[in-house]
Amino acid sequence: MSKFIQLHLLTSYPPSNPNRDDLGRPKTARMGGVDRLRISSQSLKRAWRTSDVCMDKLTGNTGIRTKHIGDEVYKRLVTGEINEKKAMKWAGVIASQFGKLKKDSVEIEQLVHVSKEELELVYALVDKLIVENRDPENNELKFLRNKVNSVDIALFGRMLASSPEKNIEAAAQVAHAISVNQIVIEDDYFTAVDDLNSKENAGASHISEAGFSSGVFYIYICINKTLLIENLNGNIDLANAAIQAYIEAALTVAPSGKQNSYANRVRASYSLVEIGNQQPRSLSVAFLDPVTEKNQLEASINRIATQKENMDRVYGPCSEADYSFNVCTGTGSMADLLAFSCK
């Protein structure tokens, strides 16, 4: 079994704005002396984690990310006819097992990833407290945080500054997607007309503008399969299912920002997966010089192949085996790539 699984994707986005900055414009980064489009790793991971692909294929093995465990516990206690004062106290004690609470609140200060098993333990304890009408005991509270079988937590980790002993190291690393080409952000000036306007009151009822751009994105993902299996308590079958589900999501699911305006329903046009025990490495250096050829996909695929070959020549083989598909030439398949990734 290989320790590392590395995935290199090329995905072409038409004019769109899938991941916005604080001004509502496409995120960018400067690389090789020119401006590139960027999609943050956080945006990519959320899109994949919440996708139908992962929800369907990993039913019952995913968690939730929330600040509102205490609010849910409070509502359940009040519904169980526990008075509001007690319910607030107990909800705070239980929620504090998952993170530091906001002042005078049962809401946790930071988003925390909670597994299905942990939620079941919380609700079981709440129901027991309702029946017995008593405070939760310390020995009950300490068992609320348990070893998890939630693949999203096992892959992307969990960090609690207030409870470092409960941290889980991420088994997957996702780089920010970066366009291989230099970009210019354009402005879409648009108006909206009121359908009930009269002839005397003709004209736009709303005027605004929105930024957009297009590009071919290089996306790099590295999964430490050994750590993933460890995070999933030795469950190899679940680890393989998680790897295949998330790779399929990475190939087929895009962040949904401004989706209704631009319909950027994209899939990867090229994918290379490498497996082995060698130290991982990105191939992003292939795009330090922006791609300027008319056929950006073909040029980008050639650059990846050249960079991989050159690194292997200098360092020795950087992986033990690889597999790729290419939509442009119709070679390879997603099914074979998913199967290969779990060898």
C-alpha atoms as a PDB file:
ATOM      1  CA  MET A   1       0.000   0.000   0.000  1.00  0.00           C
ATOM      2  CA  SER A   2       1.317   3.437  -0.959  1.00  0.00           C
ATOM      3  CA  LYS A   3       1.619   6.107   1.719  1.00  0.00           C
ATOM      4  CA  PHE A   4       1.049   9.174  -0.465  1.00  0.00           C
ATOM      5  CA  ILE A   5      -1.524   9.865  -3.164  1.00  0.00           C
ATOM      6  CA  GLN A   6      -0.846  13.001  -5.213  1.00  0.00           C
ATOM      7  CA  LEU A   7      -3.381  14.475  -7.607  1.00  0.00           C
ATOM      8  CA  HIS A   8      -2.628  17.095 -10.274  1.00  0.00           C
ATOM      9  CA  LEU A   9      -5.656  18.605 -12.030  1.00  0.00           C
ATOM     10  CA  LEU A  10      -6.170  21.054 -14.870  1.00  0.00           C
ATOM     11  CA  THR A  11      -9.648  22.550 -14.912  1.00  0.00           C
ATOM     12  CA  SER A  12     -10.751  25.252 -17.338  1.00  0.00           C
ATOM     13  CA  TYR A  13     -13.177  27.884 -16.030  1.00  0.00           C
ATOM     14  CA  PRO A  14     -15.120  30.072 -18.484  1.00  0.00           C
ATOM     15  CA  PRO A  15     -15.830  33.715 -17.566  1.00  0.00           C
ATOM     16  CA  SER A  16     -16.955  33.386 -13.940  1.00  0.00           C
ATOM     17  CA  ASN A  17     -16.326  34.343 -10.310  1.00  0.00           C
ATOM     18  CA  PRO A  18     -16.430  31.128  -8.249  1.00  0.00           C
ATOM     19  CA  ASN A  19     -14.511  32.476  -5.221  1.00  0.00           C
ATOM     20  CA  ARG A  20     -14.799  36.170  -4.295  1.00  0.00           C
ATOM     21  CA  ASP A  21     -12.620  38.468  -2.211  1.00  0.00           C
ATOM     22  CA  ASP A  22     -13.849  41.036   0.310  1.00  0.00           C
ATOM     23  CA  LEU A  23     -14.859  43.368  -2.534  1.00  0.00           C
ATOM     24  CA  GLY A  24     -16.815  40.683  -4.381  1.00  0.00           C
ATOM     25  CA  ARG A  25     -14.208  40.349  -7.122  1.00  0.00           C
ATOM     26  CA  PRO A  26     -12.390  37.140  -8.153  1.00  0.00           C
ATOM     27  CA  LYS A  27      -9.552  36.199  -5.821  1.00  0.00           C
ATOM     28  CA  THR A  28      -6.083  36.607  -7.285  1.00  0.00           C
ATOM     29  CA  ALA A  29      -2.426  35.922  -6.534  1.00  0.00           C
ATOM     30  CA  ARG A  30       0.792  37.135  -8.083  1.00  0.00           C
ATOM     31  CA  MET A  31       3.022  34.393  -9.445  1.00  0.00           C
ATOM     32  CA  GLY A  32       5.882  34.585 -11.909  1.00  0.00           C
ATOM     33  CA  GLY A  33       5.553  38.363 -11.973  1.00  0.00           C
ATOM     34  CA  VAL A  34       1.976  38.406 -13.280  1.00  0.00           C
ATOM     35  CA  ASP A  35      -1.537  38.298 -11.836  1.00  0.00           C
ATOM     36  CA  ARG A  36      -3.288  34.929 -11.691  1.00  0.00           C
ATOM     37  CA  LEU A  37      -6.777  33.867 -10.692  1.00  0.00           C
ATOM     38  CA  ARG A  38      -6.988  31.962  -7.415  1.00  0.00           C
ATOM     39  CA  ILE A  39      -9.543  29.711  -5.761  1.00  0.00           C
ATOM     40  CA  SER A  40      -8.794  29.212  -2.085  1.00  0.00           C
ATOM     41  CA  SER A  41      -8.272  25.732  -0.701  1.00  0.00           C
ATOM     42  CA  GLN A  42     -10.978  26.467   1.887  1.00  0.00           C
ATOM     43  CA  SER A  43     -13.498  27.134  -0.879  1.00  0.00           C
ATOM     44  CA  LEU A  44     -12.513  23.977  -2.749  1.00  0.00           C
ATOM     45  CA  LYS A  45     -12.671  21.753   0.339  1.00  0.00           C
ATOM     46  CA  ARG A  46     -16.094  23.038   1.359  1.00  0.00           C
ATOM     47  CA  ALA A  47     -17.461  22.511  -2.158  1.00  0.00           C
ATOM     48  CA  TRP A  48     -16.191  18.923  -2.156  1.00  0.00           C
ATOM     49  CA  ARG A  49     -17.137  18.154   1.456  1.00  0.00           C
ATOM     50  CA  THR A  50     -20.756  19.267   0.980  1.00  0.00           C
ATOM     51  CA  SER A  51     -21.156  17.885  -2.560  1.00  0.00           C
ATOM     52  CA  ASP A  52     -23.778  15.314  -3.512  1.00  0.00           C
ATOM     53  CA  VAL A  53     -20.903  13.031  -4.555  1.00  0.00           C
ATOM     54  CA  CYS A  54     -19.507  12.827  -1.015  1.00  0.00           C
ATOM     55  CA  MET A  55     -22.885  12.925   0.722  1.00  0.00           C
ATOM     56  CA  ASP A  56     -24.177  10.007  -1.374  1.00  0.00           C
ATOM     57  CA  LYS A  57     -21.055   7.842  -1.312  1.00  0.00           C
ATOM     58  CA  LEU A  58     -20.195   8.450   2.357  1.00  0.00           C
ATOM     59  CA  THR A  59     -23.649   8.444   3.926  1.00  0.00           C
ATOM     60  CA  GLY A  60     -23.421   8.144   7.689  1.00  0.00           C
ATOM     61  CA  ASN A  61     -19.674   8.793   7.745  1.00  0.00           C
ATOM     62  CA  THR A  62     -19.524  12.585   7.583  1.00  0.00           C
ATOM     63  CA  GLY A  63     -19.721  15.215  10.294  1.00  0.00           C
ATOM     64  CA  ILE A  64     -20.877  18.814  10.503  1.00  0.00           C
ATOM     65  CA  ARG A  65     -18.991  22.069  11.065  1.00  0.00           C
ATOM     66  CA  THR A  66     -20.806  24.413  13.423  1.00  0.00           C
ATOM     67  CA  LYS A  67     -20.687  26.841  16.360  1.00  0.00           C
ATOM     68  CA  HIS A  68     -24.208  25.965  17.454  1.00  0.00           C
ATOM     69  CA  ILE A  69     -23.985  22.675  19.359  1.00  0.00           C
ATOM     70  CA  GLY A  70     -25.018  24.499  22.535  1.00  0.00           C
ATOM     71  CA  ASP A  71     -28.051  26.051  20.853  1.00  0.00           C
ATOM     72  CA  GLU A  72     -29.224  22.650  19.629  1.00  0.00           C
ATOM     73  CA  VAL A  73     -28.719  21.130  23.090  1.00  0.00           C
ATOM     74  CA  TYR A  74     -30.604  24.021  24.713  1.00  0.00           C
ATOM     75  CA  LYS A  75     -33.589  23.598  22.372  1.00  0.00           C
ATOM     76  CA  ARG A  76     -33.679  19.856  22.986  1.00  0.00           C
ATOM     77  CA  LEU A  77     -33.589  20.365  26.774  1.00  0.00           C
ATOM     78  CA  VAL A  78     -36.361  22.988  26.718  1.00  0.00           C
ATOM     79  CA  THR A  79     -38.458  20.752  24.474  1.00  0.00           C
ATOM     80  CA  GLY A  80     -37.936  18.048  27.121  1.00  0.00           C
ATOM     81  CA  GLU A  81     -39.487  20.390  29.707  1.00  0.00           C
ATOM     82  CA  ILE A  82     -36.261  21.360  31.458  1.00  0.00           C
ATOM     83  CA  ASN A  83     -36.575  24.937  32.734  1.00  0.00           C
ATOM     84  CA  GLU A  84     -34.684  27.610  30.788  1.00  0.00           C
ATOM     85  CA  LYS A  85     -32.132  28.383  33.519  1.00  0.00           C
ATOM     86  CA  LYS A  86     -31.087  24.733  33.878  1.00  0.00           C
ATOM     87  CA  ALA A  87     -31.179  24.210  30.115  1.00  0.00           C
ATOM     88  CA  MET A  88     -28.832  27.155  29.546  1.00  0.00           C
ATOM     89  CA  LYS A  89     -26.414  25.919  32.218  1.00  0.00           C
ATOM     90  CA  TRP A  90     -26.330  22.321  30.968  1.00  0.00           C
ATOM     91  CA  ALA A  91     -26.097  23.367  27.318  1.00  0.00           C
ATOM     92  CA  GLY A  92     -23.096  25.551  28.147  1.00  0.00           C
ATOM     93  CA  VAL A  93     -21.328  22.779  30.026  1.00  0.00           C
ATOM     94  CA  ILE A  94     -21.869  20.315  27.177  1.00  0.00           C
ATOM     95  CA  ALA A  95     -20.942  22.748  24.385  1.00  0.00           C
ATOM     96  CA  SER A  96     -17.766  23.762  26.229  1.00  0.00           C
ATOM     97  CA  GLN A  97     -16.440  20.235  25.689  1.00  0.00           C
ATOM     98  CA  PHE A  98     -16.088  21.189  22.015  1.00  0.00           C
ATOM     99  CA  GLY A  99     -14.545  24.639  22.383  1.00  0.00           C
ATOM    100  CA  LYS A 100     -14.440  27.899  24.283  1.00  0.00           C
ATOM    101  CA  LEU A 101     -17.826  29.599  24.607  1.00  0.00           C
ATOM    102  CA  LYS A 102     -18.637  33.194  23.780  1.00  0.00           C
ATOM    103  CA  LYS A 103     -19.300  35.384  26.806  1.00  0.00           C
ATOM    104  CA  ASP A 104     -22.797  34.905  28.273  1.00  0.00           C
ATOM    105  CA  SER A 105     -23.668  32.456  25.491  1.00  0.00           C
ATOM    106  CA  VAL A 106     -23.799  28.759  24.677  1.00  0.00           C
ATOM    107  CA  GLU A 107     -22.328  29.448  21.233  1.00  0.00           C
ATOM    108  CA  ILE A 108     -18.753  28.258  20.599  1.00  0.00           C
ATOM    109  CA  GLU A 109     -16.275  30.955  19.573  1.00  0.00           C
ATOM    110  CA  GLN A 110     -14.917  29.043  16.585  1.00  0.00           C
ATOM    111  CA  LEU A 111     -16.351  26.659  14.041  1.00  0.00           C
ATOM    112  CA  VAL A 112     -15.707  23.092  15.129  1.00  0.00           C
ATOM    113  CA  HIS A 113     -16.008  19.872  13.176  1.00  0.00           C
ATOM    114  CA  VAL A 114     -18.187  17.377  15.022  1.00  0.00           C
ATOM    115  CA  SER A 115     -18.620  13.759  14.015  1.00  0.00           C
ATOM    116  CA  LYS A 116     -21.881  11.867  13.760  1.00  0.00           C
ATOM    117  CA  GLU A 117     -20.775   9.650  16.659  1.00  0.00           C
ATOM    118  CA  GLU A 118     -20.083  12.660  18.860  1.00  0.00           C
ATOM    119  CA  LEU A 119     -23.471  14.179  18.107  1.00  0.00           C
ATOM    120  CA  GLU A 120     -25.143  10.888  18.972  1.00  0.00           C
ATOM    121  CA  LEU A 121     -23.276  10.837  22.307  1.00  0.00           C
ATOM    122  CA  VAL A 122     -24.351  14.415  23.020  1.00  0.00           C
ATOM    123  CA  TYR A 123     -28.019  13.767  22.291  1.00  0.00           C
ATOM    124  CA  ALA A 124     -27.968  10.507  24.260  1.00  0.00           C
ATOM    125  CA  LEU A 125     -26.610  12.382  27.274  1.00  0.00           C
ATOM    126  CA  VAL A 126     -29.172  15.166  26.851  1.00  0.00           C
ATOM    127  CA  ASP A 127     -32.036  12.666  26.762  1.00  0.00           C
ATOM    128  CA  LYS A 128     -30.662  10.994  29.890  1.00  0.00           C
ATOM    129  CA  LEU A 129     -30.474  14.336  31.714  1.00  0.00           C
ATOM    130  CA  ILE A 130     -34.075  15.097  30.754  1.00  0.00           C
ATOM    131  CA  VAL A 131     -35.287  11.790  32.170  1.00  0.00           C
ATOM    132  CA  GLU A 132     -33.218  12.024  35.371  1.00  0.00           C
ATOM    133  CA  ASN A 133     -33.484  15.841  35.715  1.00  0.00           C
ATOM    134  CA  ARG A 134     -29.922  16.332  36.964  1.00  0.00           C
ATOM    135  CA  ASP A 135     -26.630  18.052  36.072  1.00  0.00           C
ATOM    136  CA  PRO A 136     -24.227  16.238  33.732  1.00  0.00           C
ATOM    137  CA  GLU A 137     -21.345  14.523  35.544  1.00  0.00           C
ATOM    138  CA  ASN A 138     -17.671  15.000  34.677  1.00  0.00           C
ATOM    139  CA  ASN A 139     -17.159  11.356  33.724  1.00  0.00           C
ATOM    140  CA  GLU A 140     -20.073  11.663  31.260  1.00  0.00           C
ATOM    141  CA  LEU A 141     -18.756  14.872  29.728  1.00  0.00           C
ATOM    142  CA  LYS A 142     -15.248  13.577  29.065  1.00  0.00           C
ATOM    143  CA  PHE A 143     -16.604  10.758  26.890  1.00  0.00           C
ATOM    144  CA  LEU A 144     -18.415  13.143  24.539  1.00  0.00           C
ATOM    145  CA  ARG A 145     -15.238  13.613  22.493  1.00  0.00           C
ATOM    146  CA  ASN A 146     -14.511  10.195  21.099  1.00  0.00           C
ATOM    147  CA  LYS A 147     -12.499   8.608  18.316  1.00  0.00           C
ATOM    148  CA  VAL A 148     -14.318   9.428  15.102  1.00  0.00           C
ATOM    149  CA  ASN A 149     -15.210   7.732  11.849  1.00  0.00           C
ATOM    150  CA  SER A 150     -16.129  10.941  10.026  1.00  0.00           C
ATOM    151  CA  VAL A 151     -14.085  11.002   6.841  1.00  0.00           C
ATOM    152  CA  ASP A 152     -14.212  14.789   6.443  1.00  0.00           C
ATOM    153  CA  ILE A 153     -12.606  15.243   9.866  1.00  0.00           C
ATOM    154  CA  ALA A 154     -10.077  12.486   9.154  1.00  0.00           C
ATOM    155  CA  LEU A 155      -9.136  14.093   5.821  1.00  0.00           C
ATOM    156  CA  PHE A 156      -9.163  17.792   6.665  1.00  0.00           C
ATOM    157  CA  GLY A 157      -8.402  17.668  10.371  1.00  0.00           C
ATOM    158  CA  ARG A 158      -9.715  19.485  13.405  1.00  0.00           C
ATOM    159  CA  MET A 159      -7.941  22.131  15.470  1.00  0.00           C
ATOM    160  CA  LEU A 160      -9.176  23.393  18.832  1.00  0.00           C
ATOM    161  CA  ALA A 161      -6.887  25.968  20.406  1.00  0.00           C
ATOM    162  CA  SER A 162      -8.683  25.576  23.738  1.00  0.00           C
ATOM    163  CA  SER A 163      -8.389  21.754  23.722  1.00  0.00           C
ATOM    164  CA  PRO A 164      -5.246  20.731  21.800  1.00  0.00           C
ATOM    165  CA  GLU A 165      -5.476  17.148  23.039  1.00  0.00           C
ATOM    166  CA  LYS A 166      -8.613  16.791  20.908  1.00  0.00           C
ATOM    167  CA  ASN A 167      -6.930  17.936  17.685  1.00  0.00           C
ATOM    168  CA  ILE A 168      -6.844  15.657  14.635  1.00  0.00           C
ATOM    169  CA  GLU A 169      -4.068  16.140  12.075  1.00  0.00           C
ATOM    170  CA  ALA A 170      -5.347  16.508   8.516  1.00  0.00           C
ATOM    171  CA  ALA A 171      -4.531  13.613   6.185  1.00  0.00           C
ATOM    172  CA  ALA A 172      -5.198  15.700   3.065  1.00  0.00           C
ATOM    173  CA  GLN A 173      -3.456  18.861   1.915  1.00  0.00           C
ATOM    174  CA  VAL A 174      -5.075  21.033  -0.756  1.00  0.00           C
ATOM    175  CA  ALA A 175      -3.220  23.871  -2.469  1.00  0.00           C
ATOM    176  CA  HIS A 176      -4.932  27.045  -3.597  1.00  0.00           C
ATOM    177  CA  ALA A 177      -5.925  26.564  -7.229  1.00  0.00           C
ATOM    178  CA  ILE A 178      -3.994  28.977  -9.443  1.00  0.00           C
ATOM    179  CA  SER A 179      -4.528  29.890 -13.083  1.00  0.00           C
ATOM    180  CA  VAL A 180      -1.725  28.841 -15.428  1.00  0.00           C
ATOM    181  CA  ASN A 181      -2.317  31.975 -17.506  1.00  0.00           C
ATOM    182  CA  GLN A 182      -2.002  35.674 -16.807  1.00  0.00           C
ATOM    183  CA  ILE A 183      -5.405  37.254 -16.256  1.00  0.00           C
ATOM    184  CA  VAL A 184      -7.220  40.548 -16.398  1.00  0.00           C
ATOM    185  CA  ILE A 185     -10.339  40.962 -14.271  1.00  0.00           C
ATOM    186  CA  GLU A 186     -13.112  42.468 -16.350  1.00  0.00           C
ATOM    187  CA  ASP A 187     -16.206  44.304 -15.164  1.00  0.00           C
ATOM    188  CA  ASP A 188     -19.712  43.254 -16.086  1.00  0.00           C
ATOM    189  CA  TYR A 189     -21.892  46.378 -16.055  1.00  0.00           C
ATOM    190  CA  PHE A 190     -25.503  45.295 -15.722  1.00  0.00           C
ATOM    191  CA  THR A 191     -28.963  46.721 -15.121  1.00  0.00           C
ATOM    192  CA  ALA A 192     -32.281  45.342 -13.925  1.00  0.00           C
ATOM    193  CA  VAL A 193     -35.651  46.587 -15.135  1.00  0.00           C
ATOM    194  CA  ASP A 194     -38.818  46.638 -13.046  1.00  0.00           C
ATOM    195  CA  ASP A 195     -41.446  44.536 -14.850  1.00  0.00           C
ATOM    196  CA  LEU A 196     -44.175  46.899 -13.633  1.00  0.00           C
ATOM    197  CA  ASN A 197     -42.534  50.047 -15.004  1.00  0.00           C
ATOM    198  CA  SER A 198     -44.854  52.309 -16.956  1.00  0.00           C
ATOM    199  CA  LYS A 199     -43.931  54.073 -20.191  1.00  0.00           C
ATOM    200  CA  GLU A 200     -43.612  57.272 -18.195  1.00  0.00           C
ATOM    201  CA  ASN A 201     -41.257  55.573 -15.739  1.00  0.00           C
ATOM    202  CA  ALA A 202     -39.092  53.567 -18.140  1.00  0.00           C
ATOM    203  CA  GLY A 203     -35.468  52.734 -17.455  1.00  0.00           C
ATOM    204  CA  ALA A 204     -33.361  50.671 -15.114  1.00  0.00           C
ATOM    205  CA  SER A 205     -34.396  50.152 -11.511  1.00  0.00           C
ATOM    206  CA  HIS A 206     -30.996  48.783 -10.537  1.00  0.00           C
ATOM    207  CA  ILE A 207     -27.498  49.403 -11.888  1.00  0.00           C
ATOM    208  CA  SER A 208     -24.349  47.642 -10.735  1.00  0.00           C
ATOM    209  CA  GLU A 209     -21.184  45.907 -11.878  1.00  0.00           C
ATOM    210  CA  ALA A 210     -19.472  42.603 -11.073  1.00  0.00           C
ATOM    211  CA  GLY A 211     -15.955  41.365 -11.690  1.00  0.00           C
ATOM    212  CA  PHE A 212     -15.201  38.176 -13.614  1.00  0.00           C
ATOM    213  CA  SER A 213     -12.401  36.430 -15.443  1.00  0.00           C
ATOM    214  CA  SER A 214     -11.458  33.072 -16.939  1.00  0.00           C
ATOM    215  CA  GLY A 215      -8.531  30.700 -16.826  1.00  0.00           C
ATOM    216  CA  VAL A 216      -7.164  27.191 -16.711  1.00  0.00           C
ATOM    217  CA  PHE A 217      -6.487  26.246 -13.085  1.00  0.00           C
ATOM    218  CA  TYR A 218      -3.792  23.937 -11.749  1.00  0.00           C
ATOM    219  CA  ILE A 219      -5.001  22.158  -8.599  1.00  0.00           C
ATOM    220  CA  TYR A 220      -2.721  20.047  -6.397  1.00  0.00           C
ATOM    221  CA  ILE A 221      -3.894  17.636  -3.697  1.00  0.00           C
ATOM    222  CA  CYS A 222      -1.813  15.332  -1.490  1.00  0.00           C
ATOM    223  CA  ILE A 223      -3.356  12.615   0.687  1.00  0.00           C
ATOM    224  CA  ASN A 224      -1.394  10.774   3.366  1.00  0.00           C
ATOM    225  CA  LYS A 225      -3.202   7.449   3.255  1.00  0.00           C
ATOM    226  CA  THR A 226      -1.338   6.037   6.252  1.00  0.00           C
ATOM    227  CA  LEU A 227      -2.494   8.951   8.424  1.00  0.00           C
ATOM    228  CA  LEU A 228      -6.023   8.751   7.007  1.00  0.00           C
ATOM    229  CA  ILE A 229      -6.317   5.104   8.032  1.00  0.00           C
ATOM    230  CA  GLU A 230      -4.932   5.966  11.471  1.00  0.00           C
ATOM    231  CA  ASN A 231      -7.477   8.806  11.827  1.00  0.00           C
ATOM    232  CA  LEU A 232     -10.237   6.340  10.888  1.00  0.00           C
ATOM    233  CA  ASN A 233      -9.138   3.859  13.560  1.00  0.00           C
ATOM    234  CA  GLY A 234      -7.682   1.373  11.075  1.00  0.00           C
ATOM    235  CA  ASN A 235     -10.731   1.188   8.778  1.00  0.00           C
ATOM    236  CA  ILE A 236      -9.028   0.646   5.383  1.00  0.00           C
ATOM    237  CA  ASP A 237     -12.293   0.142   3.465  1.00  0.00           C
ATOM    238  CA  LEU A 238     -13.662   3.457   4.713  1.00  0.00           C
ATOM    239  CA  ALA A 239     -10.362   5.177   3.902  1.00  0.00           C
ATOM    240  CA  ASN A 240     -10.510   3.875   0.313  1.00  0.00           C
ATOM    241  CA  ALA A 241     -14.135   4.965  -0.021  1.00  0.00           C
ATOM    242  CA  ALA A 242     -13.207   8.434   1.259  1.00  0.00           C
ATOM    243  CA  ILE A 243     -10.272   8.750  -1.150  1.00  0.00           C
ATOM    244  CA  GLN A 244     -12.386   7.802  -4.147  1.00  0.00           C
ATOM    245  CA  ALA A 245     -15.324  10.018  -3.154  1.00  0.00           C
ATOM    246  CA  TYR A 246     -13.191  13.103  -2.593  1.00  0.00           C
ATOM    247  CA  ILE A 247     -11.137  12.604  -5.747  1.00  0.00           C
ATOM    248  CA  GLU A 248     -14.355  12.257  -7.750  1.00  0.00           C
ATOM    249  CA  ALA A 249     -15.645  15.450  -6.131  1.00  0.00           C
ATOM    250  CA  ALA A 250     -12.387  17.249  -6.959  1.00  0.00           C
ATOM    251  CA  LEU A 251     -12.767  16.174 -10.591  1.00  0.00           C
ATOM    252  CA  THR A 252     -16.436  17.048 -10.979  1.00  0.00           C
ATOM    253  CA  VAL A 253     -17.473  19.713  -8.433  1.00  0.00           C
ATOM    254  CA  ALA A 254     -16.658  23.442  -8.521  1.00  0.00           C
ATOM    255  CA  PRO A 255     -17.272  26.103  -5.860  1.00  0.00           C
ATOM    256  CA  SER A 256     -20.743  27.555  -6.295  1.00  0.00           C
ATOM    257  CA  GLY A 257     -19.903  31.280  -6.114  1.00  0.00           C
ATOM    258  CA  LYS A 258     -21.980  33.279  -8.651  1.00  0.00           C
ATOM    259  CA  GLN A 259     -23.092  29.993 -10.171  1.00  0.00           C
ATOM    260  CA  ASN A 260     -26.493  31.339 -11.231  1.00  0.00           C
ATOM    261  CA  SER A 261     -24.878  34.271 -13.017  1.00  0.00           C
ATOM    262  CA  TYR A 262     -22.135  32.375 -14.862  1.00  0.00           C
ATOM    263  CA  ALA A 263     -23.049  28.657 -14.831  1.00  0.00           C
ATOM    264  CA  ASN A 264     -19.437  27.632 -14.240  1.00  0.00           C
ATOM    265  CA  ARG A 265     -20.284  23.927 -14.158  1.00  0.00           C
ATOM    266  CA  VAL A 266     -16.817  22.598 -14.874  1.00  0.00           C
ATOM    267  CA  ARG A 267     -14.973  19.293 -14.707  1.00  0.00           C
ATOM    268  CA  ALA A 268     -11.276  18.576 -14.837  1.00  0.00           C
ATOM    269  CA  SER A 269      -9.978  18.215 -18.384  1.00  0.00           C
ATOM    270  CA  TYR A 270      -6.787  16.503 -17.274  1.00  0.00           C
ATOM    271  CA  SER A 271      -5.808  14.573 -14.183  1.00  0.00           C
ATOM    272  CA  LEU A 272      -2.592  12.881 -13.119  1.00  0.00           C
ATOM    273  CA  VAL A 273      -2.539  10.753  -9.977  1.00  0.00           C
ATOM    274  CA  GLU A 274       0.730   9.491  -8.491  1.00  0.00           C
ATOM    275  CA  ILE A 275       1.165   6.932  -5.722  1.00  0.00           C
ATOM    276  CA  GLY A 276       4.229   5.995  -3.690  1.00  0.00           C
ATOM    277  CA  ASN A 277       6.165   6.434  -0.472  1.00  0.00           C
ATOM    278  CA  GLN A 278       8.493   9.203  -1.629  1.00  0.00           C
ATOM    279  CA  GLN A 279       8.317  12.740  -0.281  1.00  0.00           C
ATOM    280  CA  PRO A 280       5.468  14.514  -2.142  1.00  0.00           C
ATOM    281  CA  ARG A 281       6.047  17.538  -4.389  1.00  0.00           C
ATOM    282  CA  SER A 282       3.802  19.902  -6.308  1.00  0.00           C
ATOM    283  CA  LEU A 283       4.318  20.521 -10.023  1.00  0.00           C
ATOM    284  CA  SER A 284       3.199  24.172  -9.807  1.00  0.00           C
ATOM    285  CA  VAL A 285       6.704  25.314 -10.766  1.00  0.00           C
ATOM    286  CA  ALA A 286       5.788  24.278 -14.326  1.00  0.00           C
ATOM    287  CA  PHE A 287       3.656  27.417 -14.481  1.00  0.00           C
ATOM    288  CA  LEU A 288       6.047  30.056 -13.116  1.00  0.00           C
ATOM    289  CA  ASP A 289       6.086  31.372 -16.673  1.00  0.00           C
ATOM    290  CA  PRO A 290       2.438  31.972 -17.613  1.00  0.00           C
ATOM    291  CA  VAL A 291       1.032  29.867 -20.411  1.00  0.00           C
ATOM    292  CA  THR A 292       0.592  32.062 -23.492  1.00  0.00           C
ATOM    293  CA  GLU A 293      -0.212  29.481 -26.174  1.00  0.00           C
ATOM    294  CA  LYS A 294      -3.624  29.633 -27.826  1.00  0.00           C
ATOM    295  CA  ASN A 295      -4.430  26.075 -26.685  1.00  0.00           C
ATOM    296  CA  GLN A 296      -3.792  26.576 -22.979  1.00  0.00           C
ATOM    297  CA  LEU A 297      -4.879  23.077 -21.969  1.00  0.00           C
ATOM    298  CA  GLU A 298      -2.589  21.266 -24.380  1.00  0.00           C
ATOM    299  CA  ALA A 299       0.339  23.496 -23.441  1.00  0.00           C
ATOM    300  CA  SER A 300      -0.334  23.010 -19.725  1.00  0.00           C
ATOM    301  CA  ILE A 301      -0.502  19.222 -20.042  1.00  0.00           C
ATOM    302  CA  ASN A 302       2.833  19.235 -21.884  1.00  0.00           C
ATOM    303  CA  ARG A 303       4.379  21.389 -19.161  1.00  0.00           C
ATOM    304  CA  ILE A 304       3.239  19.028 -16.408  1.00  0.00           C
ATOM    305  CA  ALA A 305       4.678  16.049 -18.283  1.00  0.00           C
ATOM    306  CA  THR A 306       7.993  17.862 -18.831  1.00  0.00           C
ATOM    307  CA  GLN A 307       8.244  19.052 -15.219  1.00  0.00           C
ATOM    308  CA  LYS A 308       7.493  15.559 -13.887  1.00  0.00           C
ATOM    309  CA  GLU A 309      10.102  14.021 -16.200  1.00  0.00           C
ATOM    310  CA  ASN A 310      12.752  16.584 -15.244  1.00  0.00           C
ATOM    311  CA  MET A 311      12.152  16.142 -11.508  1.00  0.00           C
ATOM    312  CA  ASP A 312      12.409  12.370 -11.877  1.00  0.00           C
ATOM    313  CA  ARG A 313      15.655  12.798 -13.784  1.00  0.00           C
ATOM    314  CA  VAL A 314      17.192  15.034 -11.103  1.00  0.00           C
ATOM    315  CA  TYR A 315      15.831  13.451  -7.902  1.00  0.00           C
ATOM    316  CA  GLY A 316      15.109   9.940  -9.082  1.00  0.00           C
ATOM    317  CA  PRO A 317      11.534   8.646  -9.381  1.00  0.00           C
ATOM    318  CA  CYS A 318       9.271  10.853  -7.241  1.00  0.00           C
ATOM    319  CA  SER A 319       6.496   8.258  -7.287  1.00  0.00           C
ATOM    320  CA  GLU A 320       6.227   4.516  -7.789  1.00  0.00           C
ATOM    321  CA  ALA A 321       3.388   4.574 -10.315  1.00  0.00           C
ATOM    322  CA  ASP A 322       1.015   7.031 -11.992  1.00  0.00           C
ATOM    323  CA  TYR A 323      -2.125   7.162 -14.096  1.00  0.00           C
ATOM    324  CA  SER A 324      -3.714   9.990 -16.046  1.00  0.00           C
ATOM    325  CA  PHE A 325      -6.725  10.804 -18.165  1.00  0.00           C
ATOM    326  CA  ASN A 326      -7.031  13.485 -20.820  1.00  0.00           C
ATOM    327  CA  VAL A 327     -10.452  14.725 -21.904  1.00  0.00           C
ATOM    328  CA  CYS A 328      -8.923  16.616 -24.837  1.00  0.00           C
ATOM    329  CA  THR A 329      -7.710  13.381 -26.437  1.00  0.00           C
ATOM    330  CA  GLY A 330     -10.355  11.095 -24.929  1.00  0.00           C
ATOM    331  CA  THR A 331      -7.766   8.848 -23.269  1.00  0.00           C
ATOM    332  CA  GLY A 332      -8.082   7.221 -19.860  1.00  0.00           C
ATOM    333  CA  SER A 333     -11.146   7.309 -17.623  1.00  0.00           C
ATOM    334  CA  MET A 334     -12.259   8.585 -14.252  1.00  0.00           C
ATOM    335  CA  ALA A 335     -13.288   5.073 -13.201  1.00  0.00           C
ATOM    336  CA  ASP A 336      -9.801   3.696 -13.844  1.00  0.00           C
ATOM    337  CA  LEU A 337      -8.167   6.676 -12.132  1.00  0.00           C
ATOM    338  CA  LEU A 338     -10.319   6.187  -8.986  1.00  0.00           C
ATOM    339  CA  ALA A 339      -9.472   2.496  -8.881  1.00  0.00           C
ATOM    340  CA  PHE A 340      -5.751   3.215  -9.372  1.00  0.00           C
ATOM    341  CA  SER A 341      -5.717   5.803  -6.554  1.00  0.00           C
ATOM    342  CA  CYS A 342      -6.444   3.128  -3.942  1.00  0.00           C
ATOM    343  CA  LYS A 343      -3.759   0.642  -4.943  1.00  0.00           C
END
